């Protein structure tokens, strides 16, 4: 009986010593509130990455349109807010304009884009690219490897 009591005391001491604080896994209500205020304050603006400013010269060249517009992906918000679309590796919000193109509202048919220089409108889905020179929409997410020859296991002599 004494052994059982001694063993249980040792286990209790060991469990108490092993317990450590893991810290906070989720945000506090105050942190969530400040994040929500930031999200609401941004309201439809271009989400820009910090870019180093070019050296100032006498004449600023006009922006060159990209050779190809490609859509890497998009996120639709469940709270009804504006979603984010990644075009040429740059995040843009729905309804925003980056000077070269206007992004429309994302829907099941894709993302409507209006190219300012040509006035052309195109609808792309994630994984597609548009070549403005040819007007061709290219599927980037399709494997281009030709299928191998069909084989029948019975013809090979072994069935696996």
N, C-alpha and C. Protein backbone atom coordinates (compact mmCIF):
# COMPACT_ATOMS: atom_id res chain seq x y z
N UNK A 1 0.82 -1.18 0.00
CA UNK A 1 0.00 0.00 0.00
C UNK A 1 0.87 1.26 0.00
N UNK A 2 1.94 1.19 0.75
CA UNK A 2 2.86 2.32 0.82
C UNK A 2 3.50 2.58 -0.54
N UNK A 3 3.78 1.51 -1.27
CA UNK A 3 4.38 1.67 -2.60
C UNK A 3 3.43 2.41 -3.54
N UNK A 4 2.15 2.11 -3.47
CA UNK A 4 1.16 2.74 -4.34
C UNK A 4 1.08 4.24 -4.04
N UNK A 5 1.07 4.60 -2.79
CA UNK A 5 1.01 6.01 -2.41
C UNK A 5 2.28 6.73 -2.86
N UNK A 6 3.42 6.12 -2.64
CA UNK A 6 4.69 6.71 -3.04
C UNK A 6 4.76 6.88 -4.56
N UNK A 7 4.30 5.88 -5.28
CA UNK A 7 4.31 5.93 -6.74
C UNK A 7 3.38 7.02 -7.26
N UNK A 8 2.21 7.16 -6.67
CA UNK A 8 1.27 8.20 -7.10
C UNK A 8 1.81 9.60 -6.80
N UNK A 9 2.49 9.77 -5.67
CA UNK A 9 3.10 11.06 -5.35
C UNK A 9 4.20 11.41 -6.35
N UNK A 10 5.00 10.44 -6.71
CA UNK A 10 6.06 10.68 -7.68
C UNK A 10 5.48 11.07 -9.05
N UNK A 11 4.40 10.42 -9.43
CA UNK A 11 3.76 10.75 -10.71
C UNK A 11 3.18 12.16 -10.69
N UNK A 12 2.57 12.56 -9.58
CA UNK A 12 2.00 13.90 -9.47
C UNK A 12 3.09 14.96 -9.56
N UNK A 13 4.20 14.74 -8.90
CA UNK A 13 5.31 15.69 -8.93
C UNK A 13 5.88 15.77 -10.35
N UNK A 14 6.01 14.62 -11.00
CA UNK A 14 6.57 14.58 -12.35
C UNK A 14 5.66 15.31 -13.35
N UNK A 15 4.36 15.13 -13.25
CA UNK A 15 3.42 15.79 -14.16
C UNK A 15 3.44 17.29 -13.92
N UNK A 16 3.50 17.73 -12.70
CA UNK A 16 3.54 19.16 -12.39
C UNK A 16 4.81 19.81 -12.92
N UNK A 17 5.93 19.10 -12.85
CA UNK A 17 7.20 19.66 -13.32
C UNK A 17 7.24 19.72 -14.84
N UNK A 18 6.55 18.79 -15.51
CA UNK A 18 6.59 18.74 -16.97
C UNK A 18 5.66 19.76 -17.61
N UNK A 19 4.69 20.26 -16.86
CA UNK A 19 3.73 21.22 -17.43
C UNK A 19 4.45 22.54 -17.70
N UNK A 20 4.37 22.99 -18.95
CA UNK A 20 4.97 24.26 -19.34
C UNK A 20 3.93 25.07 -20.09
N UNK A 21 4.12 26.35 -20.07
CA UNK A 21 3.19 27.22 -20.79
C UNK A 21 3.58 27.25 -22.26
N UNK A 22 2.60 27.02 -23.14
CA UNK A 22 2.85 27.06 -24.57
C UNK A 22 2.70 28.47 -25.14
N UNK A 23 2.23 29.39 -24.35
CA UNK A 23 2.01 30.73 -24.86
C UNK A 23 0.63 30.82 -25.51
N UNK A 24 0.36 31.91 -26.15
CA UNK A 24 -0.94 32.13 -26.76
C UNK A 24 -0.92 31.60 -28.19
N UNK A 25 -1.86 30.72 -28.49
CA UNK A 25 -1.96 30.16 -29.82
C UNK A 25 -2.77 31.05 -30.76
N UNK A 26 -3.83 31.67 -30.26
CA UNK A 26 -4.69 32.52 -31.07
C UNK A 26 -4.54 33.98 -30.64
N UNK A 27 -5.08 34.87 -31.43
CA UNK A 27 -4.97 36.29 -31.11
C UNK A 27 -5.94 36.67 -30.00
N UNK A 28 -5.62 37.73 -29.31
CA UNK A 28 -6.49 38.24 -28.26
C UNK A 28 -7.62 39.04 -28.91
N UNK A 29 -8.70 39.31 -28.18
CA UNK A 29 -9.77 40.13 -28.75
C UNK A 29 -9.29 41.50 -29.21
N UNK A 30 -8.35 42.09 -28.48
CA UNK A 30 -7.83 43.41 -28.87
C UNK A 30 -7.05 43.31 -30.19
N UNK A 31 -6.26 42.25 -30.35
CA UNK A 31 -5.51 42.07 -31.60
C UNK A 31 -6.45 41.83 -32.77
N UNK A 32 -7.50 41.04 -32.55
CA UNK A 32 -8.48 40.79 -33.62
C UNK A 32 -9.18 42.08 -34.02
N UNK A 33 -9.50 42.92 -33.04
CA UNK A 33 -10.17 44.19 -33.33
C UNK A 33 -9.27 45.11 -34.16
N UNK A 34 -7.98 45.17 -33.81
CA UNK A 34 -7.08 46.04 -34.58
C UNK A 34 -6.88 45.49 -35.99
N UNK A 35 -6.84 44.17 -36.16
CA UNK A 35 -6.73 43.59 -37.50
C UNK A 35 -7.97 43.91 -38.33
N UNK A 36 -9.13 43.84 -37.72
CA UNK A 36 -10.39 44.15 -38.43
C UNK A 36 -10.43 45.62 -38.84
N UNK A 37 -9.94 46.52 -37.97
CA UNK A 37 -9.90 47.94 -38.33
C UNK A 37 -8.97 48.18 -39.51
N UNK A 38 -7.82 47.51 -39.51
CA UNK A 38 -6.89 47.64 -40.64
C UNK A 38 -7.53 47.13 -41.92
N UNK A 39 -8.23 46.01 -41.85
CA UNK A 39 -8.87 45.41 -43.02
C UNK A 39 -9.94 46.35 -43.57
N UNK A 40 -10.73 46.97 -42.69
CA UNK A 40 -11.78 47.87 -43.14
C UNK A 40 -11.20 49.18 -43.66
N UNK A 41 -10.10 49.62 -43.09
CA UNK A 41 -9.48 50.89 -43.50
C UNK A 41 -8.90 50.79 -44.91
N UNK A 42 -8.39 49.61 -45.30
CA UNK A 42 -7.78 49.46 -46.60
C UNK A 42 -8.79 49.61 -47.71
N UNK A 43 -9.99 49.12 -47.52
CA UNK A 43 -11.14 49.27 -48.40
C UNK A 43 -10.89 49.38 -49.89
N UNK A 44 -10.55 48.32 -50.58
CA UNK A 44 -10.51 48.30 -52.03
C UNK A 44 -9.26 48.89 -52.65
N UNK A 45 -8.26 49.16 -51.89
CA UNK A 45 -7.05 49.74 -52.45
C UNK A 45 -6.15 48.63 -52.97
N UNK A 46 -5.21 49.03 -53.80
CA UNK A 46 -4.22 48.11 -54.32
C UNK A 46 -3.32 47.65 -53.17
N UNK A 47 -3.12 46.37 -53.08
CA UNK A 47 -2.23 45.84 -52.05
C UNK A 47 -0.84 45.79 -52.65
N UNK A 48 -0.05 46.80 -52.39
CA UNK A 48 1.26 46.91 -53.02
C UNK A 48 2.35 46.35 -52.14
N UNK A 49 3.32 45.76 -52.79
CA UNK A 49 4.53 45.32 -52.13
C UNK A 49 5.47 46.52 -52.09
N UNK A 50 6.30 46.65 -51.03
CA UNK A 50 7.24 47.77 -51.02
C UNK A 50 8.22 47.67 -52.19
N UNK A 51 8.34 48.75 -52.95
CA UNK A 51 9.20 48.77 -54.12
C UNK A 51 10.15 49.94 -53.99
N UNK A 52 11.39 49.72 -54.39
CA UNK A 52 12.38 50.78 -54.34
C UNK A 52 12.07 51.79 -55.44
N UNK A 53 12.05 53.07 -55.10
CA UNK A 53 11.72 54.12 -56.06
C UNK A 53 12.86 54.28 -57.06
N UNK A 54 12.51 54.45 -58.36
CA UNK A 54 13.56 54.65 -59.36
C UNK A 54 14.17 56.05 -59.22
N UNK A 55 15.36 56.19 -59.75
CA UNK A 55 16.04 57.48 -59.71
C UNK A 55 15.25 58.48 -60.55
N UNK A 56 15.12 59.70 -60.05
CA UNK A 56 14.35 60.74 -60.73
C UNK A 56 15.18 61.28 -61.89
N UNK A 57 14.56 61.32 -63.08
CA UNK A 57 15.23 61.88 -64.24
C UNK A 57 14.32 62.92 -64.86
N UNK A 58 14.76 63.56 -65.91
CA UNK A 58 14.00 64.62 -66.56
C UNK A 58 12.67 64.14 -67.13
N UNK A 59 12.64 62.95 -67.72
CA UNK A 59 11.42 62.47 -68.36
C UNK A 59 11.09 61.08 -67.82
N UNK A 60 9.85 60.90 -67.44
CA UNK A 60 9.42 59.61 -66.91
C UNK A 60 8.84 58.80 -68.06
N UNK A 61 9.39 57.60 -68.32
CA UNK A 61 8.86 56.79 -69.42
C UNK A 61 7.46 56.27 -69.09
N UNK A 62 6.65 56.10 -70.12
CA UNK A 62 5.30 55.56 -69.94
C UNK A 62 5.40 54.10 -69.53
N UNK A 63 4.47 53.62 -68.71
CA UNK A 63 4.53 52.22 -68.31
C UNK A 63 4.34 51.32 -69.52
N UNK A 64 5.18 50.30 -69.60
CA UNK A 64 5.13 49.36 -70.71
C UNK A 64 4.17 48.24 -70.35
N UNK A 65 3.18 47.97 -71.20
CA UNK A 65 2.25 46.89 -70.87
C UNK A 65 2.98 45.55 -70.87
N UNK A 66 2.59 44.65 -70.01
CA UNK A 66 3.26 43.36 -69.97
C UNK A 66 2.99 42.57 -71.24
N UNK A 67 3.93 41.73 -71.62
CA UNK A 67 3.74 40.88 -72.78
C UNK A 67 2.57 39.94 -72.57
N UNK A 68 2.39 39.52 -71.36
CA UNK A 68 1.38 38.51 -71.08
C UNK A 68 0.75 38.80 -69.72
N UNK A 69 -0.55 38.63 -69.62
CA UNK A 69 -1.24 38.75 -68.34
C UNK A 69 -1.52 37.34 -67.85
N UNK A 70 -1.06 37.01 -66.67
CA UNK A 70 -1.34 35.68 -66.14
C UNK A 70 -1.96 35.81 -64.76
N UNK A 71 -2.92 34.94 -64.50
CA UNK A 71 -3.61 34.92 -63.21
C UNK A 71 -3.10 33.72 -62.43
N UNK A 72 -2.45 34.00 -61.30
CA UNK A 72 -1.92 32.91 -60.48
C UNK A 72 -2.98 32.36 -59.53
N UNK A 73 -3.92 33.18 -59.11
CA UNK A 73 -4.96 32.70 -58.20
C UNK A 73 -5.77 33.85 -57.65
N UNK A 74 -6.76 33.51 -56.84
CA UNK A 74 -7.60 34.53 -56.22
C UNK A 74 -8.20 33.99 -54.93
N UNK A 75 -8.60 34.93 -54.09
CA UNK A 75 -9.26 34.60 -52.82
C UNK A 75 -10.56 35.38 -52.77
N UNK A 76 -11.66 34.67 -52.53
CA UNK A 76 -12.95 35.32 -52.34
C UNK A 76 -13.23 35.33 -50.85
N UNK A 77 -13.61 36.48 -50.33
CA UNK A 77 -13.86 36.60 -48.89
C UNK A 77 -15.26 36.13 -48.56
N UNK A 78 -15.40 35.44 -47.45
CA UNK A 78 -16.71 34.93 -47.03
C UNK A 78 -17.57 36.01 -46.39
N UNK A 79 -16.97 37.12 -45.97
CA UNK A 79 -17.74 38.17 -45.32
C UNK A 79 -18.29 39.20 -46.32
N UNK A 80 -18.16 38.93 -47.61
CA UNK A 80 -18.70 39.84 -48.63
C UNK A 80 -17.75 40.95 -49.02
N UNK A 81 -16.58 41.01 -48.39
CA UNK A 81 -15.60 42.04 -48.74
C UNK A 81 -14.96 41.74 -50.08
N UNK A 82 -14.16 42.67 -50.55
CA UNK A 82 -13.50 42.51 -51.84
C UNK A 82 -12.43 41.43 -51.77
N UNK A 83 -12.41 40.57 -52.76
CA UNK A 83 -11.42 39.51 -52.83
C UNK A 83 -10.11 40.04 -53.39
N UNK A 84 -9.10 39.18 -53.38
CA UNK A 84 -7.78 39.53 -53.89
C UNK A 84 -7.45 38.62 -55.06
N UNK A 85 -6.89 39.18 -56.13
CA UNK A 85 -6.51 38.45 -57.33
C UNK A 85 -5.02 38.66 -57.54
N UNK A 86 -4.29 37.59 -57.88
CA UNK A 86 -2.86 37.70 -58.18
C UNK A 86 -2.69 37.68 -59.69
N UNK A 87 -2.30 38.84 -60.24
CA UNK A 87 -2.08 38.98 -61.68
C UNK A 87 -0.62 39.35 -61.89
N UNK A 88 0.08 38.53 -62.66
CA UNK A 88 1.52 38.72 -62.88
C UNK A 88 2.26 38.85 -61.55
N UNK A 89 1.91 38.00 -60.61
CA UNK A 89 2.52 37.92 -59.28
C UNK A 89 2.34 39.20 -58.47
N UNK A 90 1.30 39.98 -58.76
CA UNK A 90 1.01 41.20 -58.02
C UNK A 90 -0.42 41.10 -57.47
N UNK A 91 -0.60 41.25 -56.15
CA UNK A 91 -1.95 41.17 -55.59
C UNK A 91 -2.75 42.44 -55.87
N UNK A 92 -3.95 42.27 -56.40
CA UNK A 92 -4.86 43.38 -56.67
C UNK A 92 -6.23 43.02 -56.10
N UNK A 93 -6.93 44.00 -55.57
CA UNK A 93 -8.27 43.74 -55.06
C UNK A 93 -9.29 43.90 -56.18
N UNK A 94 -10.43 43.22 -56.02
CA UNK A 94 -11.52 43.34 -56.98
C UNK A 94 -11.91 44.81 -57.11
N UNK A 95 -12.18 45.24 -58.32
CA UNK A 95 -12.61 46.61 -58.56
C UNK A 95 -11.47 47.62 -58.55
N UNK A 96 -10.23 47.17 -58.40
CA UNK A 96 -9.11 48.11 -58.35
C UNK A 96 -8.51 48.31 -59.73
N UNK A 97 -7.63 49.29 -59.81
CA UNK A 97 -7.00 49.68 -61.05
C UNK A 97 -5.53 49.96 -60.74
N UNK A 98 -4.61 49.34 -61.50
CA UNK A 98 -3.19 49.58 -61.23
C UNK A 98 -2.54 50.47 -62.27
N UNK A 99 -3.35 51.15 -63.09
CA UNK A 99 -2.81 52.03 -64.12
C UNK A 99 -2.72 51.36 -65.47
N UNK A 100 -2.56 50.04 -65.50
CA UNK A 100 -2.48 49.31 -66.75
C UNK A 100 -3.74 48.49 -67.01
N UNK A 101 -4.38 48.04 -65.94
CA UNK A 101 -5.59 47.25 -66.12
C UNK A 101 -6.55 47.42 -64.96
N UNK A 102 -7.81 47.18 -65.25
CA UNK A 102 -8.90 47.26 -64.27
C UNK A 102 -9.34 45.84 -63.97
N UNK A 103 -9.47 45.52 -62.69
CA UNK A 103 -9.91 44.20 -62.26
C UNK A 103 -11.38 44.28 -61.89
N UNK A 104 -12.19 43.39 -62.46
CA UNK A 104 -13.62 43.35 -62.15
C UNK A 104 -13.91 42.43 -60.97
N UNK A 105 -15.18 42.09 -60.79
CA UNK A 105 -15.63 41.23 -59.70
C UNK A 105 -15.43 39.77 -60.09
N UNK A 106 -14.80 38.99 -59.21
CA UNK A 106 -14.56 37.57 -59.45
C UNK A 106 -15.89 36.82 -59.39
N UNK A 107 -16.11 35.92 -60.36
CA UNK A 107 -17.28 35.05 -60.33
C UNK A 107 -16.90 33.69 -60.90
N UNK A 108 -17.88 32.82 -61.09
CA UNK A 108 -17.60 31.45 -61.56
C UNK A 108 -17.00 31.41 -62.96
N UNK A 109 -17.30 32.41 -63.78
CA UNK A 109 -16.78 32.43 -65.15
C UNK A 109 -15.34 32.94 -65.22
N UNK A 110 -14.83 33.48 -64.14
CA UNK A 110 -13.45 33.96 -64.12
C UNK A 110 -13.35 35.38 -63.59
N UNK A 111 -12.25 36.02 -63.94
CA UNK A 111 -11.96 37.37 -63.48
C UNK A 111 -11.98 38.30 -64.69
N UNK A 112 -12.93 39.24 -64.75
CA UNK A 112 -12.95 40.17 -65.88
C UNK A 112 -11.84 41.22 -65.73
N UNK A 113 -11.05 41.37 -66.78
CA UNK A 113 -9.95 42.33 -66.79
C UNK A 113 -10.12 43.26 -67.99
N UNK A 114 -9.87 44.54 -67.79
CA UNK A 114 -9.90 45.52 -68.87
C UNK A 114 -8.50 46.10 -69.00
N UNK A 115 -7.90 45.94 -70.18
CA UNK A 115 -6.55 46.46 -70.43
C UNK A 115 -6.72 47.90 -70.94
N UNK A 116 -6.15 48.87 -70.22
CA UNK A 116 -6.35 50.28 -70.54
C UNK A 116 -5.78 50.68 -71.90
N UNK A 117 -4.59 50.21 -72.22
CA UNK A 117 -3.92 50.66 -73.44
C UNK A 117 -4.73 50.30 -74.69
N UNK A 118 -5.28 49.10 -74.73
CA UNK A 118 -6.03 48.67 -75.91
C UNK A 118 -7.54 48.77 -75.71
N UNK A 119 -7.99 48.92 -74.47
CA UNK A 119 -9.42 48.94 -74.18
C UNK A 119 -10.05 47.56 -74.27
N UNK A 120 -9.24 46.57 -74.43
CA UNK A 120 -9.70 45.19 -74.60
C UNK A 120 -10.14 44.60 -73.26
N UNK A 121 -11.22 43.83 -73.30
CA UNK A 121 -11.70 43.14 -72.10
C UNK A 121 -11.50 41.65 -72.29
N UNK A 122 -11.05 41.00 -71.24
CA UNK A 122 -10.81 39.56 -71.29
C UNK A 122 -11.19 38.97 -69.94
N UNK A 123 -11.64 37.74 -69.94
CA UNK A 123 -12.01 37.05 -68.70
C UNK A 123 -11.08 35.84 -68.55
N UNK A 124 -10.31 35.83 -67.45
CA UNK A 124 -9.36 34.76 -67.20
C UNK A 124 -9.71 34.03 -65.92
N UNK A 125 -9.33 32.77 -65.87
CA UNK A 125 -9.46 31.96 -64.66
C UNK A 125 -8.06 31.73 -64.10
N UNK A 126 -8.00 31.26 -62.86
CA UNK A 126 -6.70 30.97 -62.25
C UNK A 126 -5.99 29.92 -63.09
N UNK A 127 -4.71 30.18 -63.39
CA UNK A 127 -3.93 29.25 -64.19
C UNK A 127 -3.93 29.60 -65.67
N UNK A 128 -4.64 30.63 -66.08
CA UNK A 128 -4.67 31.04 -67.48
C UNK A 128 -3.82 32.29 -67.69
N UNK A 129 -3.36 32.45 -68.92
CA UNK A 129 -2.59 33.63 -69.30
C UNK A 129 -3.15 34.16 -70.61
N UNK A 130 -3.06 35.47 -70.81
CA UNK A 130 -3.56 36.12 -72.01
C UNK A 130 -2.40 36.80 -72.72
N UNK A 131 -2.25 36.52 -74.01
CA UNK A 131 -1.23 37.17 -74.82
C UNK A 131 -1.91 38.30 -75.60
N UNK A 132 -1.65 39.57 -75.26
CA UNK A 132 -2.33 40.68 -75.93
C UNK A 132 -1.96 40.82 -77.41
N UNK A 133 -0.79 40.33 -77.81
CA UNK A 133 -0.38 40.44 -79.22
C UNK A 133 -1.22 39.54 -80.12
N UNK A 134 -1.49 38.32 -79.66
CA UNK A 134 -2.23 37.36 -80.49
C UNK A 134 -3.69 37.23 -80.07
N UNK A 135 -4.04 37.71 -78.86
CA UNK A 135 -5.40 37.56 -78.36
C UNK A 135 -5.69 36.16 -77.87
N UNK A 136 -4.66 35.36 -77.69
CA UNK A 136 -4.82 33.96 -77.30
C UNK A 136 -4.82 33.80 -75.78
N UNK A 137 -5.71 32.93 -75.28
CA UNK A 137 -5.73 32.57 -73.87
C UNK A 137 -5.06 31.22 -73.74
N UNK A 138 -4.04 31.16 -72.90
CA UNK A 138 -3.23 29.95 -72.74
C UNK A 138 -3.53 29.33 -71.39
N UNK A 139 -3.71 28.03 -71.37
CA UNK A 139 -3.92 27.29 -70.11
C UNK A 139 -2.55 26.95 -69.53
N UNK A 140 -2.22 27.52 -68.39
CA UNK A 140 -0.93 27.26 -67.74
C UNK A 140 -0.98 26.03 -66.84
N UNK A 141 -2.17 25.62 -66.44
CA UNK A 141 -2.27 24.53 -65.48
C UNK A 141 -2.54 23.19 -66.14
N UNK A 142 -2.38 23.08 -67.46
CA UNK A 142 -2.61 21.83 -68.17
C UNK A 142 -1.26 21.22 -68.51
N UNK A 143 -1.13 19.92 -68.27
CA UNK A 143 0.10 19.22 -68.61
C UNK A 143 0.12 19.01 -70.12
N UNK A 144 1.24 19.29 -70.75
CA UNK A 144 1.33 19.20 -72.20
C UNK A 144 1.96 17.89 -72.66
N UNK A 145 2.32 17.00 -71.76
CA UNK A 145 2.93 15.74 -72.15
C UNK A 145 1.90 14.87 -72.86
N UNK A 146 2.32 14.26 -73.96
CA UNK A 146 1.42 13.38 -74.70
C UNK A 146 1.22 12.09 -73.91
N UNK A 147 0.01 11.53 -73.95
CA UNK A 147 -0.22 10.29 -73.21
C UNK A 147 0.58 9.15 -73.83
N UNK A 148 1.05 8.27 -72.99
CA UNK A 148 1.83 7.11 -73.44
C UNK A 148 0.94 6.12 -74.16
N UNK A 149 1.53 5.12 -74.81
CA UNK A 149 0.74 4.13 -75.52
C UNK A 149 -0.08 3.30 -74.54
N UNK A 150 -1.31 3.01 -74.94
CA UNK A 150 -2.19 2.20 -74.09
C UNK A 150 -1.70 0.76 -74.10
N UNK A 151 -1.61 0.18 -72.94
CA UNK A 151 -1.17 -1.21 -72.85
C UNK A 151 -2.25 -2.03 -72.16
N UNK A 152 -2.37 -3.24 -72.60
CA UNK A 152 -3.32 -4.17 -72.01
C UNK A 152 -2.51 -5.17 -71.20
N UNK A 153 -2.71 -5.27 -69.88
CA UNK A 153 -1.91 -6.20 -69.07
C UNK A 153 -2.00 -7.64 -69.54
N UNK A 154 -3.11 -8.05 -70.10
CA UNK A 154 -3.25 -9.44 -70.56
C UNK A 154 -2.33 -9.70 -71.74
N UNK A 155 -2.08 -8.69 -72.58
CA UNK A 155 -1.20 -8.86 -73.72
C UNK A 155 0.26 -8.96 -73.30
N UNK A 156 0.61 -8.42 -72.15
CA UNK A 156 1.99 -8.46 -71.68
C UNK A 156 2.32 -9.79 -71.02
N UNK A 157 1.34 -10.60 -70.74
CA UNK A 157 1.59 -11.91 -70.16
C UNK A 157 1.49 -11.93 -68.65
N UNK A 158 1.52 -10.78 -67.98
CA UNK A 158 1.37 -10.76 -66.52
C UNK A 158 0.29 -9.77 -66.15
N UNK A 159 -0.47 -10.15 -65.19
CA UNK A 159 -1.51 -9.27 -64.67
C UNK A 159 -1.12 -8.87 -63.27
N UNK A 160 -1.07 -7.62 -63.01
CA UNK A 160 -0.64 -7.13 -61.70
C UNK A 160 -1.78 -6.56 -60.94
